């Protein structure tokens, strides 16, 4: 062994020893930190449970919810996912519809908050698959 490998071995042992000595102190440091104050949840998020709940309504009620769900099937032409990106004719058509609806709603000032937009969510399934299972 040369001096370089001995110094690397010494540093590795010293790092392991320091980790073993100070690891038990980490939970105590975390406990001393004050918990963050409970703030209102002002972040925008999509809740999966809300998306999966059956909903019947017309376009104005979908605009109030700011979500339109599109039921489609997987197909090489109409809807497929390529490396995590949604693609296909159905996807392109409904994204164009989403953009057009957002432009029209902004022009008519029908959205209560201007910075929030209408979104289209694709629900893809197999052909012949039951929509609502008991």
N, C-alpha and C. Protein backbone atom coordinates (compact mmCIF):
# COMPACT_ATOMS: atom_id res chain seq x y z
N UNK A 1 0.85 -1.18 0.00
CA UNK A 1 0.00 0.00 0.00
C UNK A 1 0.89 1.24 0.00
N UNK A 2 0.51 2.19 -0.79
CA UNK A 2 1.28 3.42 -0.83
C UNK A 2 0.64 4.44 0.12
N UNK A 3 1.25 5.59 0.23
CA UNK A 3 0.80 6.62 1.18
C UNK A 3 -0.57 7.18 0.77
N UNK A 4 -0.83 7.25 -0.54
CA UNK A 4 -2.11 7.79 -1.01
C UNK A 4 -3.28 6.89 -0.59
N UNK A 5 -3.13 5.59 -0.75
CA UNK A 5 -4.22 4.68 -0.38
C UNK A 5 -4.38 4.62 1.14
N UNK A 6 -3.27 4.77 1.89
CA UNK A 6 -3.38 4.80 3.35
C UNK A 6 -4.13 6.04 3.82
N UNK A 7 -3.87 7.17 3.19
CA UNK A 7 -4.58 8.39 3.59
C UNK A 7 -6.07 8.29 3.24
N UNK A 8 -6.40 7.68 2.10
CA UNK A 8 -7.81 7.49 1.75
C UNK A 8 -8.49 6.55 2.73
N UNK A 9 -7.79 5.50 3.14
CA UNK A 9 -8.34 4.56 4.11
C UNK A 9 -8.56 5.25 5.46
N UNK A 10 -7.63 6.09 5.86
CA UNK A 10 -7.76 6.82 7.12
C UNK A 10 -8.95 7.78 7.08
N UNK A 11 -9.13 8.49 5.97
CA UNK A 11 -10.26 9.42 5.83
C UNK A 11 -11.58 8.65 5.84
N UNK A 12 -11.63 7.49 5.21
CA UNK A 12 -12.85 6.68 5.20
C UNK A 12 -13.20 6.22 6.61
N UNK A 13 -12.20 5.74 7.36
CA UNK A 13 -12.45 5.31 8.74
C UNK A 13 -12.88 6.48 9.61
N UNK A 14 -12.27 7.62 9.43
CA UNK A 14 -12.62 8.81 10.21
C UNK A 14 -14.05 9.25 9.91
N UNK A 15 -14.45 9.18 8.65
CA UNK A 15 -15.82 9.55 8.26
C UNK A 15 -16.83 8.59 8.88
N UNK A 16 -16.55 7.30 8.84
CA UNK A 16 -17.44 6.31 9.44
C UNK A 16 -17.56 6.52 10.95
N UNK A 17 -16.45 6.80 11.59
CA UNK A 17 -16.46 7.02 13.04
C UNK A 17 -17.28 8.26 13.39
N UNK A 18 -17.11 9.34 12.64
CA UNK A 18 -17.87 10.56 12.90
C UNK A 18 -19.36 10.32 12.68
N UNK A 19 -19.69 9.56 11.66
CA UNK A 19 -21.10 9.26 11.38
C UNK A 19 -21.71 8.46 12.52
N UNK A 20 -20.99 7.47 13.01
CA UNK A 20 -21.50 6.65 14.11
C UNK A 20 -21.64 7.46 15.40
N UNK A 21 -20.75 8.41 15.63
CA UNK A 21 -20.81 9.21 16.85
C UNK A 21 -21.95 10.22 16.82
N UNK A 22 -22.18 10.85 15.67
CA UNK A 22 -23.15 11.94 15.61
C UNK A 22 -24.53 11.52 15.10
N UNK A 23 -24.70 10.32 14.61
CA UNK A 23 -26.00 9.87 14.11
C UNK A 23 -27.08 9.87 15.18
N UNK A 24 -26.80 9.45 16.43
CA UNK A 24 -27.86 9.48 17.45
C UNK A 24 -28.33 10.90 17.80
N UNK A 25 -27.54 11.92 17.49
CA UNK A 25 -27.91 13.29 17.83
C UNK A 25 -28.88 13.90 16.83
N UNK A 26 -29.01 13.35 15.64
CA UNK A 26 -29.87 13.93 14.61
C UNK A 26 -31.34 13.99 15.02
N UNK A 27 -31.94 12.95 15.60
CA UNK A 27 -33.35 13.08 16.02
C UNK A 27 -33.56 14.17 17.06
N UNK A 28 -32.58 14.39 17.94
CA UNK A 28 -32.71 15.43 18.95
C UNK A 28 -32.70 16.81 18.30
N UNK A 29 -31.89 16.99 17.28
CA UNK A 29 -31.84 18.27 16.58
C UNK A 29 -33.16 18.51 15.86
N UNK A 30 -33.73 17.48 15.24
CA UNK A 30 -35.01 17.62 14.54
C UNK A 30 -36.13 17.93 15.52
N UNK A 31 -36.08 17.37 16.72
CA UNK A 31 -37.13 17.60 17.71
C UNK A 31 -37.08 19.03 18.24
N UNK A 32 -35.90 19.64 18.27
CA UNK A 32 -35.77 20.99 18.77
C UNK A 32 -36.36 22.03 17.82
N UNK A 33 -36.38 21.70 16.55
CA UNK A 33 -36.93 22.65 15.58
C UNK A 33 -38.42 22.79 15.81
N UNK A 34 -38.89 24.03 15.78
CA UNK A 34 -40.31 24.28 15.98
C UNK A 34 -41.08 23.80 14.76
N UNK A 35 -42.22 23.17 14.98
CA UNK A 35 -43.01 22.74 13.82
C UNK A 35 -43.54 23.96 13.08
N UNK A 36 -43.65 23.88 11.77
CA UNK A 36 -44.14 25.03 11.01
C UNK A 36 -45.58 25.34 11.39
N UNK A 37 -45.90 26.62 11.37
CA UNK A 37 -47.26 27.05 11.72
C UNK A 37 -48.23 26.50 10.68
N UNK A 38 -49.38 26.10 11.15
CA UNK A 38 -50.39 25.56 10.25
C UNK A 38 -50.93 26.68 9.37
N UNK A 39 -50.56 26.64 8.12
CA UNK A 39 -51.00 27.67 7.18
C UNK A 39 -52.10 27.08 6.30
N UNK A 40 -52.85 27.97 5.71
CA UNK A 40 -53.89 27.51 4.80
C UNK A 40 -53.24 26.87 3.58
N UNK A 41 -53.91 25.88 3.05
CA UNK A 41 -53.39 25.19 1.88
C UNK A 41 -53.76 25.98 0.64
N UNK A 42 -52.86 26.88 0.23
CA UNK A 42 -53.11 27.73 -0.92
C UNK A 42 -52.49 27.18 -2.20
N UNK A 43 -51.90 26.00 -2.11
CA UNK A 43 -51.28 25.43 -3.29
C UNK A 43 -52.32 24.77 -4.17
N UNK A 44 -52.06 24.80 -5.44
CA UNK A 44 -52.95 24.16 -6.39
C UNK A 44 -52.50 22.72 -6.58
N UNK A 45 -53.43 21.81 -6.49
CA UNK A 45 -53.09 20.42 -6.69
C UNK A 45 -54.30 19.68 -7.24
N UNK A 46 -54.03 18.56 -7.84
CA UNK A 46 -55.09 17.71 -8.36
C UNK A 46 -55.23 16.53 -7.42
N UNK A 47 -56.41 16.35 -6.89
CA UNK A 47 -56.66 15.24 -5.99
C UNK A 47 -57.25 14.09 -6.79
N UNK A 48 -56.61 12.95 -6.74
CA UNK A 48 -57.03 11.79 -7.53
C UNK A 48 -58.42 11.34 -7.14
N UNK A 49 -58.75 11.40 -5.85
CA UNK A 49 -60.08 10.96 -5.41
C UNK A 49 -61.18 11.80 -6.05
N UNK A 50 -60.93 13.09 -6.19
CA UNK A 50 -61.92 13.96 -6.83
C UNK A 50 -62.06 13.64 -8.32
N UNK A 51 -60.96 13.26 -8.94
CA UNK A 51 -61.00 12.95 -10.37
C UNK A 51 -61.75 11.64 -10.64
N UNK A 52 -61.65 10.68 -9.73
CA UNK A 52 -62.25 9.38 -9.96
C UNK A 52 -63.71 9.30 -9.54
N UNK A 53 -64.20 10.28 -8.81
CA UNK A 53 -65.59 10.26 -8.37
C UNK A 53 -66.51 10.53 -9.56
N UNK A 54 -67.58 9.75 -9.73
CA UNK A 54 -68.49 9.97 -10.86
C UNK A 54 -69.07 11.38 -10.83
N UNK A 55 -69.18 11.97 -12.01
CA UNK A 55 -69.70 13.34 -12.11
C UNK A 55 -70.55 13.44 -13.36
N UNK A 56 -71.72 14.00 -13.18
CA UNK A 56 -72.59 14.24 -14.32
C UNK A 56 -72.93 15.71 -14.32
N UNK A 57 -72.77 16.33 -15.46
CA UNK A 57 -73.07 17.74 -15.55
C UNK A 57 -72.81 18.26 -16.94
N UNK A 58 -73.18 19.49 -17.15
CA UNK A 58 -72.97 20.10 -18.45
C UNK A 58 -71.71 20.95 -18.44
N UNK A 59 -71.43 21.62 -19.53
CA UNK A 59 -70.19 22.39 -19.67
C UNK A 59 -70.02 23.48 -18.61
N UNK A 60 -71.06 24.25 -18.25
CA UNK A 60 -70.85 25.26 -17.20
C UNK A 60 -70.42 24.66 -15.86
N UNK A 61 -70.95 23.50 -15.51
CA UNK A 61 -70.52 22.90 -14.24
C UNK A 61 -69.09 22.37 -14.35
N UNK A 62 -68.69 21.91 -15.53
CA UNK A 62 -67.31 21.48 -15.72
C UNK A 62 -66.37 22.69 -15.67
N UNK A 63 -66.82 23.82 -16.17
CA UNK A 63 -66.01 25.04 -16.11
C UNK A 63 -65.85 25.49 -14.66
N UNK A 64 -66.91 25.35 -13.85
CA UNK A 64 -66.80 25.69 -12.43
C UNK A 64 -65.77 24.81 -11.74
N UNK A 65 -65.72 23.54 -12.10
CA UNK A 65 -64.73 22.63 -11.52
C UNK A 65 -63.36 22.80 -12.16
N UNK A 66 -63.29 23.47 -13.32
CA UNK A 66 -62.08 23.71 -14.09
C UNK A 66 -61.43 22.41 -14.58
N UNK A 67 -62.23 21.35 -14.73
CA UNK A 67 -61.70 20.08 -15.20
C UNK A 67 -62.71 19.41 -16.13
N UNK A 68 -62.22 18.95 -17.26
CA UNK A 68 -63.03 18.14 -18.16
C UNK A 68 -62.30 16.81 -18.31
N UNK A 69 -63.01 15.72 -18.03
CA UNK A 69 -62.42 14.39 -18.16
C UNK A 69 -62.81 13.81 -19.50
N UNK A 70 -61.83 13.25 -20.19
CA UNK A 70 -62.05 12.65 -21.50
C UNK A 70 -61.77 11.16 -21.37
N UNK A 71 -62.78 10.35 -21.66
CA UNK A 71 -62.60 8.90 -21.63
C UNK A 71 -62.12 8.45 -23.00
N UNK A 72 -61.01 7.75 -23.04
CA UNK A 72 -60.44 7.28 -24.29
C UNK A 72 -59.84 5.91 -24.09
N UNK A 73 -59.53 5.23 -25.18
CA UNK A 73 -58.87 3.93 -25.10
C UNK A 73 -57.47 4.07 -25.69
N UNK A 74 -56.60 3.17 -25.26
CA UNK A 74 -55.25 3.16 -25.81
C UNK A 74 -55.29 2.68 -27.25
N UNK A 75 -54.59 3.39 -28.11
CA UNK A 75 -54.53 3.04 -29.52
C UNK A 75 -53.26 3.64 -30.09
N UNK A 76 -52.70 2.99 -31.09
CA UNK A 76 -51.48 3.53 -31.71
C UNK A 76 -51.75 4.82 -32.47
N UNK A 77 -53.01 5.05 -32.81
CA UNK A 77 -53.37 6.24 -33.57
C UNK A 77 -53.99 7.32 -32.71
N UNK A 78 -54.93 6.94 -31.84
CA UNK A 78 -55.74 7.93 -31.15
C UNK A 78 -55.18 8.37 -29.79
N UNK A 79 -54.66 7.44 -29.00
CA UNK A 79 -54.11 7.84 -27.70
C UNK A 79 -53.07 6.83 -27.26
N UNK A 80 -51.86 7.31 -26.99
CA UNK A 80 -50.80 6.47 -26.45
C UNK A 80 -49.85 7.34 -25.67
N UNK A 81 -49.05 6.69 -24.84
CA UNK A 81 -48.07 7.41 -24.02
C UNK A 81 -46.69 7.01 -24.50
N UNK A 82 -45.91 7.99 -24.92
CA UNK A 82 -44.58 7.77 -25.45
C UNK A 82 -43.56 8.43 -24.53
N UNK A 83 -42.81 7.63 -23.80
CA UNK A 83 -41.78 8.12 -22.87
C UNK A 83 -42.36 9.13 -21.88
N UNK A 84 -43.55 8.83 -21.37
CA UNK A 84 -44.17 9.68 -20.36
C UNK A 84 -44.94 10.86 -20.92
N UNK A 85 -45.03 10.98 -22.24
CA UNK A 85 -45.74 12.08 -22.87
C UNK A 85 -46.98 11.55 -23.57
N UNK A 86 -48.11 12.18 -23.31
CA UNK A 86 -49.35 11.75 -23.95
C UNK A 86 -49.35 12.23 -25.40
N UNK A 87 -49.73 11.33 -26.30
CA UNK A 87 -49.72 11.66 -27.72
C UNK A 87 -50.91 11.00 -28.40
N UNK A 88 -51.17 11.38 -29.63
CA UNK A 88 -52.21 10.77 -30.44
C UNK A 88 -53.22 11.80 -30.92
N UNK A 89 -54.09 11.35 -31.82
CA UNK A 89 -55.07 12.25 -32.42
C UNK A 89 -56.08 12.76 -31.39
N UNK A 90 -56.56 11.87 -30.53
CA UNK A 90 -57.52 12.29 -29.50
C UNK A 90 -56.89 13.33 -28.58
N UNK A 91 -55.66 13.08 -28.19
CA UNK A 91 -54.96 14.02 -27.31
C UNK A 91 -54.81 15.38 -27.99
N UNK A 92 -54.39 15.38 -29.24
CA UNK A 92 -54.18 16.65 -29.96
C UNK A 92 -55.48 17.43 -30.12
N UNK A 93 -56.56 16.73 -30.44
CA UNK A 93 -57.85 17.40 -30.63
C UNK A 93 -58.34 18.03 -29.33
N UNK A 94 -58.25 17.29 -28.23
CA UNK A 94 -58.77 17.82 -26.98
C UNK A 94 -57.86 18.88 -26.37
N UNK A 95 -56.56 18.84 -26.63
CA UNK A 95 -55.68 19.92 -26.18
C UNK A 95 -55.99 21.19 -26.95
N UNK A 96 -56.30 21.05 -28.25
CA UNK A 96 -56.72 22.22 -29.04
C UNK A 96 -58.03 22.78 -28.49
N UNK A 97 -58.95 21.90 -28.10
CA UNK A 97 -60.21 22.33 -27.49
C UNK A 97 -59.94 23.05 -26.16
N UNK A 98 -59.03 22.51 -25.36
CA UNK A 98 -58.68 23.14 -24.08
C UNK A 98 -58.13 24.55 -24.30
N UNK A 99 -57.22 24.70 -25.25
CA UNK A 99 -56.66 26.02 -25.53
C UNK A 99 -57.72 26.99 -26.02
N UNK A 100 -58.61 26.51 -26.88
CA UNK A 100 -59.66 27.37 -27.42
C UNK A 100 -60.66 27.77 -26.32
N UNK A 101 -61.03 26.82 -25.46
CA UNK A 101 -61.94 27.15 -24.35
C UNK A 101 -61.30 28.16 -23.40
N UNK A 102 -60.02 28.00 -23.10
CA UNK A 102 -59.34 28.94 -22.20
C UNK A 102 -59.28 30.34 -22.81
N UNK A 103 -59.04 30.42 -24.12
CA UNK A 103 -59.04 31.73 -24.79
C UNK A 103 -60.42 32.36 -24.73
N UNK A 104 -61.46 31.55 -25.02
CA UNK A 104 -62.82 32.08 -25.04
C UNK A 104 -63.26 32.50 -23.64
N UNK A 105 -62.93 31.70 -22.62
CA UNK A 105 -63.32 32.05 -21.25
C UNK A 105 -62.58 33.29 -20.77
N UNK A 106 -61.32 33.45 -21.16
CA UNK A 106 -60.58 34.65 -20.78
C UNK A 106 -61.16 35.88 -21.48
N UNK A 107 -61.57 35.70 -22.72
CA UNK A 107 -62.15 36.81 -23.47
C UNK A 107 -63.49 37.22 -22.88
N UNK A 108 -64.32 36.24 -22.51
CA UNK A 108 -65.63 36.52 -21.93
C UNK A 108 -65.57 36.81 -20.43
N UNK A 109 -64.39 36.63 -19.83
CA UNK A 109 -64.18 36.84 -18.39
C UNK A 109 -65.13 35.99 -17.55
N UNK A 110 -65.27 34.72 -17.93
CA UNK A 110 -66.16 33.82 -17.20
C UNK A 110 -65.45 33.07 -16.08
N UNK A 111 -64.13 33.05 -16.10
CA UNK A 111 -63.41 32.41 -15.01
C UNK A 111 -63.30 33.39 -13.85
N UNK A 112 -63.57 32.90 -12.65
CA UNK A 112 -63.56 33.78 -11.48
C UNK A 112 -62.15 34.28 -11.18
N UNK A 113 -61.18 33.40 -11.27
CA UNK A 113 -59.79 33.80 -11.11
C UNK A 113 -59.12 33.64 -12.46
N UNK A 114 -58.57 34.71 -12.98
CA UNK A 114 -58.01 34.69 -14.33
C UNK A 114 -56.80 33.78 -14.46
N UNK A 115 -56.03 33.64 -13.40
CA UNK A 115 -54.80 32.85 -13.50
C UNK A 115 -55.08 31.35 -13.50
N UNK A 116 -56.29 30.94 -13.13
CA UNK A 116 -56.63 29.53 -13.14
C UNK A 116 -57.26 29.19 -14.48
N UNK A 117 -56.84 28.09 -15.05
CA UNK A 117 -57.33 27.72 -16.38
C UNK A 117 -58.07 26.40 -16.32
N UNK A 118 -58.80 26.14 -17.36
CA UNK A 118 -59.52 24.89 -17.53
C UNK A 118 -58.53 23.83 -17.98
N UNK A 119 -58.63 22.62 -17.42
CA UNK A 119 -57.72 21.53 -17.78
C UNK A 119 -58.50 20.33 -18.25
N UNK A 120 -57.93 19.63 -19.19
CA UNK A 120 -58.52 18.39 -19.68
C UNK A 120 -57.67 17.24 -19.17
N UNK A 121 -58.33 16.26 -18.55
CA UNK A 121 -57.66 15.09 -17.99
C UNK A 121 -58.09 13.88 -18.81
N UNK A 122 -57.13 13.12 -19.28
CA UNK A 122 -57.44 11.94 -20.08
C UNK A 122 -57.52 10.72 -19.19
N UNK A 123 -58.62 10.01 -19.26
CA UNK A 123 -58.83 8.77 -18.52
C UNK A 123 -58.80 7.64 -19.55
N UNK A 124 -57.68 6.99 -19.67
CA UNK A 124 -57.53 5.95 -20.68
C UNK A 124 -57.77 4.59 -20.05
N UNK A 125 -58.43 3.75 -20.80
CA UNK A 125 -58.71 2.40 -20.34
C UNK A 125 -58.71 1.46 -21.52
N UNK A 126 -58.98 0.19 -21.24
CA UNK A 126 -59.03 -0.80 -22.30
C UNK A 126 -60.40 -0.79 -22.94
N UNK A 127 -60.46 -1.17 -24.17
CA UNK A 127 -61.73 -1.24 -24.89
C UNK A 127 -62.61 -2.30 -24.24
N UNK A 128 -63.85 -1.93 -23.94
CA UNK A 128 -64.78 -2.87 -23.31
C UNK A 128 -64.67 -2.92 -21.80
N UNK A 129 -63.80 -2.14 -21.23
CA UNK A 129 -63.62 -2.14 -19.78
C UNK A 129 -64.76 -1.36 -19.14
N UNK A 130 -65.26 -1.84 -18.03
CA UNK A 130 -66.36 -1.18 -17.34
C UNK A 130 -65.89 0.14 -16.75
N UNK A 131 -66.71 1.17 -16.90
CA UNK A 131 -66.33 2.48 -16.38
C UNK A 131 -66.38 2.52 -14.87
N UNK A 132 -67.46 2.03 -14.31
CA UNK A 132 -67.63 2.08 -12.86
C UNK A 132 -67.78 0.66 -12.35
N UNK A 133 -66.78 0.24 -11.64
CA UNK A 133 -66.83 -1.11 -11.07
C UNK A 133 -67.42 -1.04 -9.68
N UNK A 134 -68.18 -2.05 -9.35
CA UNK A 134 -68.81 -2.09 -8.02
C UNK A 134 -67.82 -2.50 -6.98
